[in-house]
């Protein structure tokens, strides 16, 4: 990763026998914690017209593009009400494969927040269940592997609700048996909560999460197999009259990143949420036909007798 690039730059600067044109060496800090070094770089500081990116994972890689990102967060409050039933259950979804929301987003792995939301909307439509709480996902850059929800229904619907959840578990396992073979969905009785989400807001919120884009939004038309734009619904938290949905939206095309963020904003503003964007960093749009890519590819093949892996991430 960064280490080999830094070592290469320092070796060139220290050498007195490697011919080269004038060089500018750029080192930045805090990539993993928000790219604060890169974001503080002032325009006009560098004079070079050609950039070589030396931040790669493998020796044979020539990286020519990377997705930028932005955190999209929907927050709000909702009215609570007393439950209309006295049968309460905790639904626990776990065992999903998960992964990195950038590197693994194209692998079609299930998102625990979307899987749970689909079930909750079905139960709401079929049995008018009421939601007391939802807690799904962990980090923004992680495809969520787990979600828990506490629901309430009437005593008459308790058995049908449990059967519906069991049938849904079978269906979800079948749908995701290749990508998420260890997916598990359980349901157990719990004490009835004092308050639940007001029915009107519950319907709006579940539909907002349902309509929110997740996964691949667009593949790159320039580079085969490259995800150009994507979104990860990383966290869904509902309880005690407040809710939060956290997404990480990525694209190597900045205008498309904004477009997807606006789509997500629209989905949650329709249920009354306040939606904020933060932590944005720009994408690096691949240009595979550029002069420097051709030069580097030819040079690599001449030096090492094999073709370089020209890629974007």
C-alpha atoms as a PDB file:
ATOM      1  CA  UNK A   1       0.000   0.000   0.000  1.00  0.00           C
ATOM      2  CA  UNK A   2       1.449   3.470   0.809  1.00  0.00           C
ATOM      3  CA  UNK A   3       4.760   2.099   2.132  1.00  0.00           C
ATOM      4  CA  UNK A   4       6.136   0.852  -1.182  1.00  0.00           C
ATOM      5  CA  UNK A   5       5.229   4.149  -2.869  1.00  0.00           C
ATOM      6  CA  UNK A   6       6.976   6.218  -0.196  1.00  0.00           C
ATOM      7  CA  UNK A   7      10.054   3.949  -0.375  1.00  0.00           C
ATOM      8  CA  UNK A   8      10.197   4.291  -4.171  1.00  0.00           C
ATOM      9  CA  UNK A   9       9.993   8.096  -4.030  1.00  0.00           C
ATOM     10  CA  UNK A  10      12.678   8.304  -1.329  1.00  0.00           C
ATOM     11  CA  UNK A  11      14.963   5.965  -3.286  1.00  0.00           C
ATOM     12  CA  UNK A  12      14.715   8.216  -6.354  1.00  0.00           C
ATOM     13  CA  UNK A  13      15.402  11.341  -4.282  1.00  0.00           C
ATOM     14  CA  UNK A  14      18.414   9.732  -2.578  1.00  0.00           C
ATOM     15  CA  UNK A  15      19.932   8.258  -5.756  1.00  0.00           C
ATOM     16  CA  UNK A  16      22.778   9.993  -7.611  1.00  0.00           C
ATOM     17  CA  UNK A  17      22.859   7.602 -10.577  1.00  0.00           C
ATOM     18  CA  UNK A  18      19.258   7.329 -11.848  1.00  0.00           C
ATOM     19  CA  UNK A  19      18.573   9.796 -14.679  1.00  0.00           C
ATOM     20  CA  UNK A  20      15.260  11.614 -14.429  1.00  0.00           C
ATOM     21  CA  UNK A  21      13.579  14.918 -15.254  1.00  0.00           C
ATOM     22  CA  UNK A  22      12.751  17.398 -12.452  1.00  0.00           C
ATOM     23  CA  UNK A  23      10.612  15.642  -9.817  1.00  0.00           C
ATOM     24  CA  UNK A  24       8.143  16.787  -7.206  1.00  0.00           C
ATOM     25  CA  UNK A  25       7.474  14.315  -4.381  1.00  0.00           C
ATOM     26  CA  UNK A  26       4.159  14.479  -2.554  1.00  0.00           C
ATOM     27  CA  UNK A  27       3.633  12.781   0.826  1.00  0.00           C
ATOM     28  CA  UNK A  28       0.318  13.127   2.685  1.00  0.00           C
ATOM     29  CA  UNK A  29      -0.813  11.942   6.117  1.00  0.00           C
ATOM     30  CA  UNK A  30      -3.985  10.544   7.705  1.00  0.00           C
ATOM     31  CA  UNK A  31      -5.423   8.744   4.689  1.00  0.00           C
ATOM     32  CA  UNK A  32      -7.289   6.190   6.795  1.00  0.00           C
ATOM     33  CA  UNK A  33      -8.759   8.781   9.163  1.00  0.00           C
ATOM     34  CA  UNK A  34     -10.227  11.198   6.654  1.00  0.00           C
ATOM     35  CA  UNK A  35      -7.471  12.157   4.182  1.00  0.00           C
ATOM     36  CA  UNK A  36      -6.746  15.315   6.174  1.00  0.00           C
ATOM     37  CA  UNK A  37      -3.307  15.672   4.577  1.00  0.00           C
ATOM     38  CA  UNK A  38      -4.541  15.439   0.995  1.00  0.00           C
ATOM     39  CA  UNK A  39      -7.487  17.733   1.689  1.00  0.00           C
ATOM     40  CA  UNK A  40      -5.133  20.403   3.071  1.00  0.00           C
ATOM     41  CA  UNK A  41      -3.045  20.467  -0.122  1.00  0.00           C
ATOM     42  CA  UNK A  42      -3.190  23.977  -1.595  1.00  0.00           C
ATOM     43  CA  UNK A  43      -3.825  24.431  -5.303  1.00  0.00           C
ATOM     44  CA  UNK A  44      -0.839  25.799  -7.176  1.00  0.00           C
ATOM     45  CA  UNK A  45       1.783  24.274  -4.868  1.00  0.00           C
ATOM     46  CA  UNK A  46       2.804  21.686  -7.479  1.00  0.00           C
ATOM     47  CA  UNK A  47       4.036  22.537 -10.972  1.00  0.00           C
ATOM     48  CA  UNK A  48       4.128  19.085 -12.578  1.00  0.00           C
ATOM     49  CA  UNK A  49       1.634  18.254 -15.319  1.00  0.00           C
ATOM     50  CA  UNK A  50       1.882  14.477 -14.877  1.00  0.00           C
ATOM     51  CA  UNK A  51       1.023  12.464 -11.761  1.00  0.00           C
ATOM     52  CA  UNK A  52       2.278   8.976 -10.969  1.00  0.00           C
ATOM     53  CA  UNK A  53       0.249   7.288  -8.252  1.00  0.00           C
ATOM     54  CA  UNK A  54       2.446   4.856  -6.300  1.00  0.00           C
ATOM     55  CA  UNK A  55      -0.223   3.781  -3.789  1.00  0.00           C
ATOM     56  CA  UNK A  56      -0.896   0.248  -5.050  1.00  0.00           C
ATOM     57  CA  UNK A  57      -1.400  -3.154  -3.472  1.00  0.00           C
ATOM     58  CA  UNK A  58       0.682  -5.280  -5.887  1.00  0.00           C
ATOM     59  CA  UNK A  59       3.995  -4.828  -7.724  1.00  0.00           C
ATOM     60  CA  UNK A  60       2.442  -5.206 -11.182  1.00  0.00           C
ATOM     61  CA  UNK A  61      -0.383  -2.697 -10.733  1.00  0.00           C
ATOM     62  CA  UNK A  62      -0.712   0.648 -12.463  1.00  0.00           C
ATOM     63  CA  UNK A  63      -3.609   2.353 -10.713  1.00  0.00           C
ATOM     64  CA  UNK A  64      -5.311   4.952 -12.908  1.00  0.00           C
ATOM     65  CA  UNK A  65      -8.478   5.778 -10.979  1.00  0.00           C
ATOM     66  CA  UNK A  66     -10.202   5.599  -7.614  1.00  0.00           C
ATOM     67  CA  UNK A  67     -13.636   6.274  -6.201  1.00  0.00           C
ATOM     68  CA  UNK A  68     -14.260   9.331  -4.069  1.00  0.00           C
ATOM     69  CA  UNK A  69     -16.759   9.197  -1.258  1.00  0.00           C
ATOM     70  CA  UNK A  70     -19.175  11.105   0.927  1.00  0.00           C
ATOM     71  CA  UNK A  71     -20.979  10.222   4.166  1.00  0.00           C
ATOM     72  CA  UNK A  72     -24.750  10.653   3.837  1.00  0.00           C
ATOM     73  CA  UNK A  73     -26.607  10.714   7.168  1.00  0.00           C
ATOM     74  CA  UNK A  74     -30.356  10.920   7.725  1.00  0.00           C
ATOM     75  CA  UNK A  75     -31.513  11.913  11.219  1.00  0.00           C
ATOM     76  CA  UNK A  76     -34.869  12.643  12.768  1.00  0.00           C
ATOM     77  CA  UNK A  77     -37.354  12.142  15.549  1.00  0.00           C
ATOM     78  CA  UNK A  78     -40.719  10.421  15.614  1.00  0.00           C
ATOM     79  CA  UNK A  79     -43.775  10.200  17.828  1.00  0.00           C
ATOM     80  CA  UNK A  80     -44.094   7.160  20.068  1.00  0.00           C
ATOM     81  CA  UNK A  81     -47.257   5.422  21.156  1.00  0.00           C
ATOM     82  CA  UNK A  82     -48.335   2.604  23.434  1.00  0.00           C
ATOM     83  CA  UNK A  83     -48.325  -0.825  21.746  1.00  0.00           C
ATOM     84  CA  UNK A  84     -51.687  -2.174  20.627  1.00  0.00           C
ATOM     85  CA  UNK A  85     -50.672  -5.760  21.287  1.00  0.00           C
ATOM     86  CA  UNK A  86     -48.865  -7.621  24.059  1.00  0.00           C
ATOM     87  CA  UNK A  87     -46.862 -10.231  22.150  1.00  0.00           C
ATOM     88  CA  UNK A  88     -43.277  -9.018  21.627  1.00  0.00           C
ATOM     89  CA  UNK A  89     -40.394 -10.611  19.747  1.00  0.00           C
ATOM     90  CA  UNK A  90     -36.747  -9.865  19.082  1.00  0.00           C
ATOM     91  CA  UNK A  91     -35.718 -10.698  15.528  1.00  0.00           C
ATOM     92  CA  UNK A  92     -31.987 -11.342  15.135  1.00  0.00           C
ATOM     93  CA  UNK A  93     -30.391 -11.462  11.697  1.00  0.00           C
ATOM     94  CA  UNK A  94     -26.732 -12.521  11.684  1.00  0.00           C
ATOM     95  CA  UNK A  95     -24.068 -14.565   9.900  1.00  0.00           C
ATOM     96  CA  UNK A  96     -23.932 -12.467   6.746  1.00  0.00           C
ATOM     97  CA  UNK A  97     -20.566 -12.357   4.964  1.00  0.00           C
ATOM     98  CA  UNK A  98     -20.188  -8.564   4.984  1.00  0.00           C
ATOM     99  CA  UNK A  99     -16.974  -7.085   3.641  1.00  0.00           C
ATOM    100  CA  UNK A 100     -15.536  -3.731   2.603  1.00  0.00           C
ATOM    101  CA  UNK A 101     -18.102  -1.385   1.082  1.00  0.00           C
ATOM    102  CA  UNK A 102     -15.655  -0.370  -1.649  1.00  0.00           C
ATOM    103  CA  UNK A 103     -13.563  -3.420  -2.470  1.00  0.00           C
ATOM    104  CA  UNK A 104     -16.377  -5.992  -2.048  1.00  0.00           C
ATOM    105  CA  UNK A 105     -19.445  -4.042  -3.161  1.00  0.00           C
ATOM    106  CA  UNK A 106     -19.578  -5.820  -6.544  1.00  0.00           C
ATOM    107  CA  UNK A 107     -19.765  -9.291  -5.015  1.00  0.00           C
ATOM    108  CA  UNK A 108     -23.525  -9.178  -4.464  1.00  0.00           C
ATOM    109  CA  UNK A 109     -23.382  -9.893  -0.735  1.00  0.00           C
ATOM    110  CA  UNK A 110     -26.522  -9.308   1.292  1.00  0.00           C
ATOM    111  CA  UNK A 111     -26.882  -6.119   3.319  1.00  0.00           C
ATOM    112  CA  UNK A 112     -28.332  -6.870   6.773  1.00  0.00           C
ATOM    113  CA  UNK A 113     -30.148  -3.523   6.941  1.00  0.00           C
ATOM    114  CA  UNK A 114     -31.934  -4.120   3.639  1.00  0.00           C
ATOM    115  CA  UNK A 115     -32.763  -7.745   4.520  1.00  0.00           C
ATOM    116  CA  UNK A 116     -34.219  -6.728   7.896  1.00  0.00           C
ATOM    117  CA  UNK A 117     -36.153  -3.785   6.465  1.00  0.00           C
ATOM    118  CA  UNK A 118     -37.736  -6.000   3.821  1.00  0.00           C
ATOM    119  CA  UNK A 119     -39.014  -8.340   6.531  1.00  0.00           C
ATOM    120  CA  UNK A 120     -40.295  -5.514   8.752  1.00  0.00           C
ATOM    121  CA  UNK A 121     -42.250  -3.938   5.895  1.00  0.00           C
ATOM    122  CA  UNK A 122     -43.779  -7.309   4.992  1.00  0.00           C
ATOM    123  CA  UNK A 123     -44.810  -7.916   8.618  1.00  0.00           C
ATOM    124  CA  UNK A 124     -46.230  -4.389   8.847  1.00  0.00           C
ATOM    125  CA  UNK A 125     -48.287  -4.876   5.691  1.00  0.00           C
ATOM    126  CA  UNK A 126     -49.499  -8.362   6.625  1.00  0.00           C
ATOM    127  CA  UNK A 127     -50.042  -8.101  10.381  1.00  0.00           C
ATOM    128  CA  UNK A 128     -49.759  -4.422  11.356  1.00  0.00           C
ATOM    129  CA  UNK A 129     -46.822  -5.201  13.652  1.00  0.00           C
ATOM    130  CA  UNK A 130     -45.324  -2.272  15.574  1.00  0.00           C
ATOM    131  CA  UNK A 131     -41.601  -1.620  15.837  1.00  0.00           C
ATOM    132  CA  UNK A 132     -39.982  -0.748  19.155  1.00  0.00           C
ATOM    133  CA  UNK A 133     -36.351  -0.628  17.994  1.00  0.00           C
ATOM    134  CA  UNK A 134     -33.942  -1.473  15.175  1.00  0.00           C
ATOM    135  CA  UNK A 135     -30.152  -1.686  15.414  1.00  0.00           C
ATOM    136  CA  UNK A 136     -28.284  -2.793  12.298  1.00  0.00           C
ATOM    137  CA  UNK A 137     -24.755  -2.548  10.941  1.00  0.00           C
ATOM    138  CA  UNK A 138     -21.499  -1.185  12.371  1.00  0.00           C
ATOM    139  CA  UNK A 139     -18.973   0.931  10.425  1.00  0.00           C
ATOM    140  CA  UNK A 140     -19.766   3.061   7.378  1.00  0.00           C
ATOM    141  CA  UNK A 141     -17.217   1.273   5.197  1.00  0.00           C
ATOM    142  CA  UNK A 142     -18.422  -2.214   6.186  1.00  0.00           C
ATOM    143  CA  UNK A 143     -21.243  -4.077   4.439  1.00  0.00           C
ATOM    144  CA  UNK A 144     -23.513  -4.792   7.451  1.00  0.00           C
ATOM    145  CA  UNK A 145     -23.552  -8.375   8.699  1.00  0.00           C
ATOM    146  CA  UNK A 146     -26.075  -8.149  11.529  1.00  0.00           C
ATOM    147  CA  UNK A 147     -29.326  -6.469  12.550  1.00  0.00           C
ATOM    148  CA  UNK A 148     -31.706  -6.727  15.504  1.00  0.00           C
ATOM    149  CA  UNK A 149     -35.283  -5.518  15.809  1.00  0.00           C
ATOM    150  CA  UNK A 150     -37.903  -5.653  18.556  1.00  0.00           C
ATOM    151  CA  UNK A 151     -41.511  -5.836  17.356  1.00  0.00           C
ATOM    152  CA  UNK A 152     -44.961  -6.082  18.928  1.00  0.00           C
ATOM    153  CA  UNK A 153     -48.112  -7.742  17.612  1.00  0.00           C
ATOM    154  CA  UNK A 154     -51.473  -8.882  18.959  1.00  0.00           C
ATOM    155  CA  UNK A 155     -51.761 -12.243  20.678  1.00  0.00           C
ATOM    156  CA  UNK A 156     -53.903 -13.545  17.802  1.00  0.00           C
ATOM    157  CA  UNK A 157     -51.152 -12.734  15.310  1.00  0.00           C
ATOM    158  CA  UNK A 158     -48.257 -14.079  17.386  1.00  0.00           C
ATOM    159  CA  UNK A 159     -48.227 -17.517  15.769  1.00  0.00           C
ATOM    160  CA  UNK A 160     -48.736 -16.287  12.179  1.00  0.00           C
ATOM    161  CA  UNK A 161     -45.989 -13.696  12.657  1.00  0.00           C
ATOM    162  CA  UNK A 162     -43.531 -16.359  13.829  1.00  0.00           C
ATOM    163  CA  UNK A 163     -44.439 -18.601  10.897  1.00  0.00           C
ATOM    164  CA  UNK A 164     -43.966 -15.684   8.505  1.00  0.00           C
ATOM    165  CA  UNK A 165     -40.500 -14.994   9.943  1.00  0.00           C
ATOM    166  CA  UNK A 166     -39.543 -18.677   9.637  1.00  0.00           C
ATOM    167  CA  UNK A 167     -40.697 -18.740   6.000  1.00  0.00           C
ATOM    168  CA  UNK A 168     -38.789 -15.527   5.303  1.00  0.00           C
ATOM    169  CA  UNK A 169     -35.647 -17.067   6.844  1.00  0.00           C
ATOM    170  CA  UNK A 170     -35.887 -20.007   4.434  1.00  0.00           C
ATOM    171  CA  UNK A 171     -36.408 -17.692   1.481  1.00  0.00           C
ATOM    172  CA  UNK A 172     -33.489 -15.403   2.386  1.00  0.00           C
ATOM    173  CA  UNK A 173     -31.146 -18.363   2.862  1.00  0.00           C
ATOM    174  CA  UNK A 174     -32.106 -19.628  -0.591  1.00  0.00           C
ATOM    175  CA  UNK A 175     -31.644 -16.219  -2.222  1.00  0.00           C
ATOM    176  CA  UNK A 176     -28.209 -15.746  -0.676  1.00  0.00           C
ATOM    177  CA  UNK A 177     -26.861 -19.301  -0.410  1.00  0.00           C
ATOM    178  CA  UNK A 178     -23.850 -18.517  -2.633  1.00  0.00           C
ATOM    179  CA  UNK A 179     -22.775 -15.150  -1.211  1.00  0.00           C
ATOM    180  CA  UNK A 180     -23.937 -15.567   2.403  1.00  0.00           C
ATOM    181  CA  UNK A 181     -24.090 -19.297   3.219  1.00  0.00           C
ATOM    182  CA  UNK A 182     -24.100 -18.703   7.008  1.00  0.00           C
ATOM    183  CA  UNK A 183     -27.015 -16.276   7.104  1.00  0.00           C
ATOM    184  CA  UNK A 184     -29.267 -16.897  10.102  1.00  0.00           C
ATOM    185  CA  UNK A 185     -32.583 -15.393  11.215  1.00  0.00           C
ATOM    186  CA  UNK A 186     -34.063 -16.119  14.646  1.00  0.00           C
ATOM    187  CA  UNK A 187     -37.084 -14.942  16.611  1.00  0.00           C
ATOM    188  CA  UNK A 188     -37.588 -15.138  20.362  1.00  0.00           C
ATOM    189  CA  UNK A 189     -40.184 -13.824  22.797  1.00  0.00           C
ATOM    190  CA  UNK A 190     -39.254 -10.789  24.909  1.00  0.00           C
ATOM    191  CA  UNK A 191     -41.022  -8.530  27.370  1.00  0.00           C
ATOM    192  CA  UNK A 192     -43.386  -6.091  25.716  1.00  0.00           C
ATOM    193  CA  UNK A 193     -41.876  -2.572  25.468  1.00  0.00           C
ATOM    194  CA  UNK A 194     -43.701   0.439  26.889  1.00  0.00           C
ATOM    195  CA  UNK A 195     -43.461   2.458  23.655  1.00  0.00           C
ATOM    196  CA  UNK A 196     -43.324   1.728  19.928  1.00  0.00           C
ATOM    197  CA  UNK A 197     -42.935   3.773  16.751  1.00  0.00           C
ATOM    198  CA  UNK A 198     -46.136   5.587  15.761  1.00  0.00           C
ATOM    199  CA  UNK A 199     -47.770   3.673  12.907  1.00  0.00           C
ATOM    200  CA  UNK A 200     -47.858   6.525  10.399  1.00  0.00           C
ATOM    201  CA  UNK A 201     -44.147   7.228  10.688  1.00  0.00           C
ATOM    202  CA  UNK A 202     -43.267   3.519  10.715  1.00  0.00           C
ATOM    203  CA  UNK A 203     -44.846   3.081   7.281  1.00  0.00           C
ATOM    204  CA  UNK A 204     -43.006   6.088   5.858  1.00  0.00           C
ATOM    205  CA  UNK A 205     -39.639   5.164   7.358  1.00  0.00           C
ATOM    206  CA  UNK A 206     -39.664   1.533   6.197  1.00  0.00           C
ATOM    207  CA  UNK A 207     -40.527   2.643   2.671  1.00  0.00           C
ATOM    208  CA  UNK A 208     -37.745   5.232   2.692  1.00  0.00           C
ATOM    209  CA  UNK A 209     -35.163   2.583   3.637  1.00  0.00           C
ATOM    210  CA  UNK A 210     -36.690   0.234   1.065  1.00  0.00           C
ATOM    211  CA  UNK A 211     -36.328   2.832  -1.712  1.00  0.00           C
ATOM    212  CA  UNK A 212     -32.805   3.915  -0.750  1.00  0.00           C
ATOM    213  CA  UNK A 213     -30.236   2.738  -3.345  1.00  0.00           C
ATOM    214  CA  UNK A 214     -27.802   0.123  -2.061  1.00  0.00           C
ATOM    215  CA  UNK A 215     -24.937  -1.667  -3.781  1.00  0.00           C
ATOM    216  CA  UNK A 216     -23.867  -0.973  -7.365  1.00  0.00           C
ATOM    217  CA  UNK A 217     -25.425   2.147  -8.870  1.00  0.00           C
ATOM    218  CA  UNK A 218     -23.415   2.197 -12.105  1.00  0.00           C
ATOM    219  CA  UNK A 219     -20.549   0.210 -13.631  1.00  0.00           C
ATOM    220  CA  UNK A 220     -17.738   2.031 -15.422  1.00  0.00           C
ATOM    221  CA  UNK A 221     -18.273   2.305 -19.180  1.00  0.00           C
ATOM    222  CA  UNK A 222     -14.503   2.837 -19.614  1.00  0.00           C
ATOM    223  CA  UNK A 223     -13.035  -0.045 -17.596  1.00  0.00           C
ATOM    224  CA  UNK A 224     -14.555  -3.521 -17.722  1.00  0.00           C
ATOM    225  CA  UNK A 225     -15.603  -4.905 -14.347  1.00  0.00           C
ATOM    226  CA  UNK A 226     -15.049  -1.651 -12.415  1.00  0.00           C
ATOM    227  CA  UNK A 227     -17.789  -0.325 -10.145  1.00  0.00           C
ATOM    228  CA  UNK A 228     -18.010   3.387 -10.912  1.00  0.00           C
ATOM    229  CA  UNK A 229     -20.656   4.422  -8.364  1.00  0.00           C
ATOM    230  CA  UNK A 230     -22.148   2.636  -5.335  1.00  0.00           C
ATOM    231  CA  UNK A 231     -23.789   3.083  -1.954  1.00  0.00           C
ATOM    232  CA  UNK A 232     -23.674   1.163   1.314  1.00  0.00           C
ATOM    233  CA  UNK A 233     -26.534   1.513   3.819  1.00  0.00           C
ATOM    234  CA  UNK A 234     -24.188   0.978   6.741  1.00  0.00           C
ATOM    235  CA  UNK A 235     -26.243   1.751   9.868  1.00  0.00           C
ATOM    236  CA  UNK A 236     -29.943   1.840  10.698  1.00  0.00           C
ATOM    237  CA  UNK A 237     -30.806   2.816  14.269  1.00  0.00           C
ATOM    238  CA  UNK A 238     -34.359   3.337  15.543  1.00  0.00           C
ATOM    239  CA  UNK A 239     -35.385   3.748  19.184  1.00  0.00           C
ATOM    240  CA  UNK A 240     -36.472   6.125  21.956  1.00  0.00           C
ATOM    241  CA  UNK A 241     -38.090   8.542  19.542  1.00  0.00           C
ATOM    242  CA  UNK A 242     -34.988   9.017  17.347  1.00  0.00           C
ATOM    243  CA  UNK A 243     -33.630   7.440  14.189  1.00  0.00           C
ATOM    244  CA  UNK A 244     -30.407   7.533  12.166  1.00  0.00           C
ATOM    245  CA  UNK A 245     -29.465   6.033   8.819  1.00  0.00           C
ATOM    246  CA  UNK A 246     -25.797   6.214   7.817  1.00  0.00           C
ATOM    247  CA  UNK A 247     -24.600   5.628   4.254  1.00  0.00           C
ATOM    248  CA  UNK A 248     -21.237   5.744   2.508  1.00  0.00           C
ATOM    249  CA  UNK A 249     -21.598   6.778  -1.122  1.00  0.00           C
ATOM    250  CA  UNK A 250     -18.704   6.260  -3.554  1.00  0.00           C
ATOM    251  CA  UNK A 251     -17.916   7.204  -7.144  1.00  0.00           C
ATOM    252  CA  UNK A 252     -14.883   7.916  -9.299  1.00  0.00           C
ATOM    253  CA  UNK A 253     -17.013  10.538 -11.087  1.00  0.00           C
ATOM    254  CA  UNK A 254     -17.745  13.426  -8.718  1.00  0.00           C
ATOM    255  CA  UNK A 255     -20.934  14.584 -10.423  1.00  0.00           C
ATOM    256  CA  UNK A 256     -22.339  11.047 -10.274  1.00  0.00           C
ATOM    257  CA  UNK A 257     -21.434  10.811  -6.570  1.00  0.00           C
ATOM    258  CA  UNK A 258     -23.484  13.970  -6.013  1.00  0.00           C
ATOM    259  CA  UNK A 259     -26.355  12.553  -8.049  1.00  0.00           C
ATOM    260  CA  UNK A 260     -26.495   9.372  -5.979  1.00  0.00           C
ATOM    261  CA  UNK A 261     -26.244  11.329  -2.729  1.00  0.00           C
ATOM    262  CA  UNK A 262     -29.204  13.439  -3.904  1.00  0.00           C
ATOM    263  CA  UNK A 263     -31.198  10.263  -4.619  1.00  0.00           C
ATOM    264  CA  UNK A 264     -30.529   9.054  -1.066  1.00  0.00           C
ATOM    265  CA  UNK A 265     -31.361  12.486   0.337  1.00  0.00           C
ATOM    266  CA  UNK A 266     -34.680  12.429  -1.520  1.00  0.00           C
ATOM    267  CA  UNK A 267     -35.610   8.985  -0.176  1.00  0.00           C
ATOM    268  CA  UNK A 268     -35.235  10.109   3.434  1.00  0.00           C
ATOM    269  CA  UNK A 269     -36.528  13.662   3.133  1.00  0.00           C
ATOM    270  CA  UNK A 270     -39.823  12.090   2.045  1.00  0.00           C
ATOM    271  CA  UNK A 271     -40.191  10.653   5.558  1.00  0.00           C
ATOM    272  CA  UNK A 272     -39.234  13.981   7.164  1.00  0.00           C
ATOM    273  CA  UNK A 273     -35.546  13.332   7.881  1.00  0.00           C
ATOM    274  CA  UNK A 274     -32.820  15.937   8.033  1.00  0.00           C
ATOM    275  CA  UNK A 275     -30.119  14.715   5.650  1.00  0.00           C
ATOM    276  CA  UNK A 276     -26.501  15.871   5.887  1.00  0.00           C
ATOM    277  CA  UNK A 277     -23.399  15.249   3.771  1.00  0.00           C
ATOM    278  CA  UNK A 278     -19.968  15.138   5.394  1.00  0.00           C
ATOM    279  CA  UNK A 279     -16.420  13.810   5.020  1.00  0.00           C
ATOM    280  CA  UNK A 280     -16.459  14.228   1.240  1.00  0.00           C
ATOM    281  CA  UNK A 281     -13.350  13.505  -0.800  1.00  0.00           C
ATOM    282  CA  UNK A 282     -13.116  13.647  -4.601  1.00  0.00           C
ATOM    283  CA  UNK A 283     -12.927  10.750  -7.010  1.00  0.00           C
ATOM    284  CA  UNK A 284     -10.186  10.214  -9.577  1.00  0.00           C
ATOM    285  CA  UNK A 285     -11.835   9.475 -12.918  1.00  0.00           C
ATOM    286  CA  UNK A 286      -9.973   6.825 -14.968  1.00  0.00           C
ATOM    287  CA  UNK A 287      -8.655   7.866 -18.390  1.00  0.00           C
ATOM    288  CA  UNK A 288      -7.234   4.623 -19.817  1.00  0.00           C
ATOM    289  CA  UNK A 289      -6.318   6.243 -23.164  1.00  0.00           C
ATOM    290  CA  UNK A 290      -4.134   8.978 -21.642  1.00  0.00           C
ATOM    291  CA  UNK A 291      -0.512   9.461 -22.705  1.00  0.00           C
ATOM    292  CA  UNK A 292       1.011   8.581 -19.344  1.00  0.00           C
ATOM    293  CA  UNK A 293      -0.927   5.304 -19.101  1.00  0.00           C
ATOM    294  CA  UNK A 294       0.409   4.193 -22.483  1.00  0.00           C
ATOM    295  CA  UNK A 295       3.963   5.246 -21.563  1.00  0.00           C
ATOM    296  CA  UNK A 296       3.905   3.470 -18.190  1.00  0.00           C
ATOM    297  CA  UNK A 297       2.368   0.313 -19.672  1.00  0.00           C
ATOM    298  CA  UNK A 298       4.972   0.124 -22.444  1.00  0.00           C
ATOM    299  CA  UNK A 299       7.811   0.823 -19.996  1.00  0.00           C
ATOM    300  CA  UNK A 300       6.622  -1.850 -17.565  1.00  0.00           C
ATOM    301  CA  UNK A 301       6.371  -4.483 -20.307  1.00  0.00           C
ATOM    302  CA  UNK A 302       9.834  -3.551 -21.642  1.00  0.00           C
ATOM    303  CA  UNK A 303      11.409  -3.801 -18.178  1.00  0.00           C
ATOM    304  CA  UNK A 304       9.697  -6.931 -16.890  1.00  0.00           C
ATOM    305  CA  UNK A 305       8.649  -8.888 -19.972  1.00  0.00           C
ATOM    306  CA  UNK A 306       4.960  -9.018 -19.037  1.00  0.00           C
ATOM    307  CA  UNK A 307       1.968  -6.750 -19.227  1.00  0.00           C
ATOM    308  CA  UNK A 308       1.151  -4.513 -16.248  1.00  0.00           C
ATOM    309  CA  UNK A 309      -2.220  -4.793 -14.567  1.00  0.00           C
ATOM    310  CA  UNK A 310      -3.788  -1.428 -15.401  1.00  0.00           C
ATOM    311  CA  UNK A 311      -6.654  -0.955 -12.990  1.00  0.00           C
ATOM    312  CA  UNK A 312      -8.857   1.395 -11.019  1.00  0.00           C
ATOM    313  CA  UNK A 313     -10.279   0.759  -7.552  1.00  0.00           C
END
